[in-house]
Amino acid sequence: MFNVMVLAVPMALAAEQAAAKASGLSMGLLGVAAAIAVGLGAIGTAWAQSRIGSAAAGAMAERPEIGGLMLVFLALPETMIILGFLVAFFVLGKI
């Protein structure tokens, strides 16, 4: 997932330079690139959190004192969707 987001930035920059001439198709492709960046990041985050959540429930059943640590582990995959939003904003040129 991270590779997709990392590779999307150079492609988006190239597309943005081409969009300076701004045809309707190029603006549409920028929208598709932004949607892919957010969508794939969201899918990856959901998959990771589903795996972490079930493992955390089992671990906390045995050792309840690790509940705070499990919350940190559940928050870590959120960085993927945050990076996806950043890529989308850069692609669309809003920042």
C-alpha atoms as a PDB file:
ATOM      1  CA  MET A   1       0.000   0.000   0.000  1.00  0.00           C
ATOM      2  CA  PHE A   2       2.747   2.405   0.946  1.00  0.00           C
ATOM      3  CA  ASN A   3       4.482   1.797  -2.390  1.00  0.00           C
ATOM      4  CA  VAL A   4       1.337   2.755  -4.257  1.00  0.00           C
ATOM      5  CA  MET A   5       1.127   6.028  -2.355  1.00  0.00           C
ATOM      6  CA  VAL A   6       4.840   6.754  -2.804  1.00  0.00           C
ATOM      7  CA  LEU A   7       4.642   6.107  -6.531  1.00  0.00           C
ATOM      8  CA  ALA A   8       1.465   8.146  -6.859  1.00  0.00           C
ATOM      9  CA  VAL A   9       3.237  11.371  -5.902  1.00  0.00           C
ATOM     10  CA  PRO A  10       5.671  11.546  -8.872  1.00  0.00           C
ATOM     11  CA  MET A  11       2.928  10.458 -11.247  1.00  0.00           C
ATOM     12  CA  ALA A  12       0.630  13.097  -9.807  1.00  0.00           C
ATOM     13  CA  LEU A  13       3.278  15.780 -10.163  1.00  0.00           C
ATOM     14  CA  ALA A  14       3.807  14.847 -13.791  1.00  0.00           C
ATOM     15  CA  ALA A  15       0.060  14.880 -14.320  1.00  0.00           C
ATOM     16  CA  GLU A  16      -0.188  18.237 -12.586  1.00  0.00           C
ATOM     17  CA  GLN A  17       2.405  19.740 -14.916  1.00  0.00           C
ATOM     18  CA  ALA A  18       0.491  18.379 -17.853  1.00  0.00           C
ATOM     19  CA  ALA A  19      -2.701  19.757 -16.309  1.00  0.00           C
ATOM     20  CA  ALA A  20      -1.299  23.244 -16.607  1.00  0.00           C
ATOM     21  CA  LYS A  21      -2.645  23.003 -20.128  1.00  0.00           C
ATOM     22  CA  ALA A  22      -5.800  21.755 -18.374  1.00  0.00           C
ATOM     23  CA  SER A  23      -7.997  19.742 -20.602  1.00  0.00           C
ATOM     24  CA  GLY A  24     -11.135  18.149 -19.228  1.00  0.00           C
ATOM     25  CA  LEU A  25      -9.619  14.676 -19.429  1.00  0.00           C
ATOM     26  CA  SER A  26      -6.517  15.581 -17.437  1.00  0.00           C
ATOM     27  CA  MET A  27      -8.593  17.118 -14.652  1.00  0.00           C
ATOM     28  CA  GLY A  28     -10.699  13.969 -14.550  1.00  0.00           C
ATOM     29  CA  LEU A  29      -7.613  11.791 -14.311  1.00  0.00           C
ATOM     30  CA  LEU A  30      -6.378  13.895 -11.396  1.00  0.00           C
ATOM     31  CA  GLY A  31      -9.660  13.185  -9.657  1.00  0.00           C
ATOM     32  CA  VAL A  32      -9.263   9.470 -10.320  1.00  0.00           C
ATOM     33  CA  ALA A  33      -5.707   9.563  -8.936  1.00  0.00           C
ATOM     34  CA  ALA A  34      -6.941  11.269  -5.774  1.00  0.00           C
ATOM     35  CA  ALA A  35      -9.747   8.719  -5.390  1.00  0.00           C
ATOM     36  CA  ILE A  36      -7.318   5.830  -5.799  1.00  0.00           C
ATOM     37  CA  ALA A  37      -4.947   7.304  -3.206  1.00  0.00           C
ATOM     38  CA  VAL A  38      -7.708   7.661  -0.627  1.00  0.00           C
ATOM     39  CA  GLY A  39      -9.533   4.449  -1.538  1.00  0.00           C
ATOM     40  CA  LEU A  40      -6.540   2.129  -1.406  1.00  0.00           C
ATOM     41  CA  GLY A  41      -5.352   3.752   1.804  1.00  0.00           C
ATOM     42  CA  ALA A  42      -8.773   3.188   3.359  1.00  0.00           C
ATOM     43  CA  ILE A  43      -8.870  -0.451   2.260  1.00  0.00           C
ATOM     44  CA  GLY A  44      -5.398  -1.079   3.682  1.00  0.00           C
ATOM     45  CA  THR A  45      -6.296   0.622   6.943  1.00  0.00           C
ATOM     46  CA  ALA A  46      -9.509  -1.370   7.323  1.00  0.00           C
ATOM     47  CA  TRP A  47      -7.745  -4.663   6.633  1.00  0.00           C
ATOM     48  CA  ALA A  48      -4.944  -3.921   9.107  1.00  0.00           C
ATOM     49  CA  GLN A  49      -7.307  -2.773  11.831  1.00  0.00           C
ATOM     50  CA  SER A  50      -9.472  -5.862  11.450  1.00  0.00           C
ATOM     51  CA  ARG A  51      -6.452  -8.089  12.020  1.00  0.00           C
ATOM     52  CA  ILE A  52      -5.099  -5.992  14.888  1.00  0.00           C
ATOM     53  CA  GLY A  53      -8.505  -5.721  16.561  1.00  0.00           C
ATOM     54  CA  SER A  54      -9.057  -9.459  16.746  1.00  0.00           C
ATOM     55  CA  ALA A  55      -5.525 -10.066  18.007  1.00  0.00           C
ATOM     56  CA  ALA A  56      -5.901  -7.286  20.577  1.00  0.00           C
ATOM     57  CA  ALA A  57      -9.132  -8.777  21.900  1.00  0.00           C
ATOM     58  CA  GLY A  58      -7.443 -12.129  22.424  1.00  0.00           C
ATOM     59  CA  ALA A  59      -4.373 -10.603  24.039  1.00  0.00           C
ATOM     60  CA  MET A  60      -6.431  -8.427  26.379  1.00  0.00           C
ATOM     61  CA  ALA A  61      -8.474 -11.454  27.448  1.00  0.00           C
ATOM     62  CA  GLU A  62      -5.277 -12.987  28.781  1.00  0.00           C
ATOM     63  CA  ARG A  63      -3.562  -9.800  30.020  1.00  0.00           C
ATOM     64  CA  PRO A  64      -5.957  -6.872  30.602  1.00  0.00           C
ATOM     65  CA  GLU A  65      -3.107  -4.501  31.545  1.00  0.00           C
ATOM     66  CA  ILE A  66      -1.994  -4.202  27.903  1.00  0.00           C
ATOM     67  CA  GLY A  67      -5.174  -2.398  26.840  1.00  0.00           C
ATOM     68  CA  GLY A  68      -3.431   0.951  26.352  1.00  0.00           C
ATOM     69  CA  LEU A  69      -0.749  -0.611  24.187  1.00  0.00           C
ATOM     70  CA  MET A  70      -3.399  -2.236  22.021  1.00  0.00           C
ATOM     71  CA  LEU A  71      -5.017   1.165  21.434  1.00  0.00           C
ATOM     72  CA  VAL A  72      -1.679   2.426  20.132  1.00  0.00           C
ATOM     73  CA  PHE A  73      -1.434  -0.569  17.815  1.00  0.00           C
ATOM     74  CA  LEU A  74      -4.944   0.140  16.529  1.00  0.00           C
ATOM     75  CA  ALA A  75      -4.006   3.755  15.791  1.00  0.00           C
ATOM     76  CA  LEU A  76      -0.873   2.921  13.768  1.00  0.00           C
ATOM     77  CA  PRO A  77      -2.651   1.880  10.538  1.00  0.00           C
ATOM     78  CA  GLU A  78      -4.449   5.230  10.493  1.00  0.00           C
ATOM     79  CA  THR A  79      -1.246   6.742   9.113  1.00  0.00           C
ATOM     80  CA  MET A  80      -1.966   5.010   5.788  1.00  0.00           C
ATOM     81  CA  ILE A  81      -5.244   6.832   5.293  1.00  0.00           C
ATOM     82  CA  ILE A  82      -3.728  10.112   6.475  1.00  0.00           C
ATOM     83  CA  LEU A  83      -0.986   9.730   3.859  1.00  0.00           C
ATOM     84  CA  GLY A  84      -3.658   8.890   1.286  1.00  0.00           C
ATOM     85  CA  PHE A  85      -5.471  12.140   2.078  1.00  0.00           C
ATOM     86  CA  LEU A  86      -2.212  14.082   1.802  1.00  0.00           C
ATOM     87  CA  VAL A  87      -1.490  12.564  -1.599  1.00  0.00           C
ATOM     88  CA  ALA A  88      -5.023  13.382  -2.726  1.00  0.00           C
ATOM     89  CA  PHE A  89      -4.657  17.010  -1.650  1.00  0.00           C
ATOM     90  CA  PHE A  90      -1.311  17.292  -3.414  1.00  0.00           C
ATOM     91  CA  VAL A  91      -2.749  15.722  -6.557  1.00  0.00           C
ATOM     92  CA  LEU A  92      -5.661  18.099  -6.611  1.00  0.00           C
ATOM     93  CA  GLY A  93      -3.377  21.052  -5.902  1.00  0.00           C
ATOM     94  CA  LYS A  94      -5.282  22.365  -2.905  1.00  0.00           C
ATOM     95  CA  ILE A  95      -2.154  22.835  -0.766  1.00  0.00           C
END
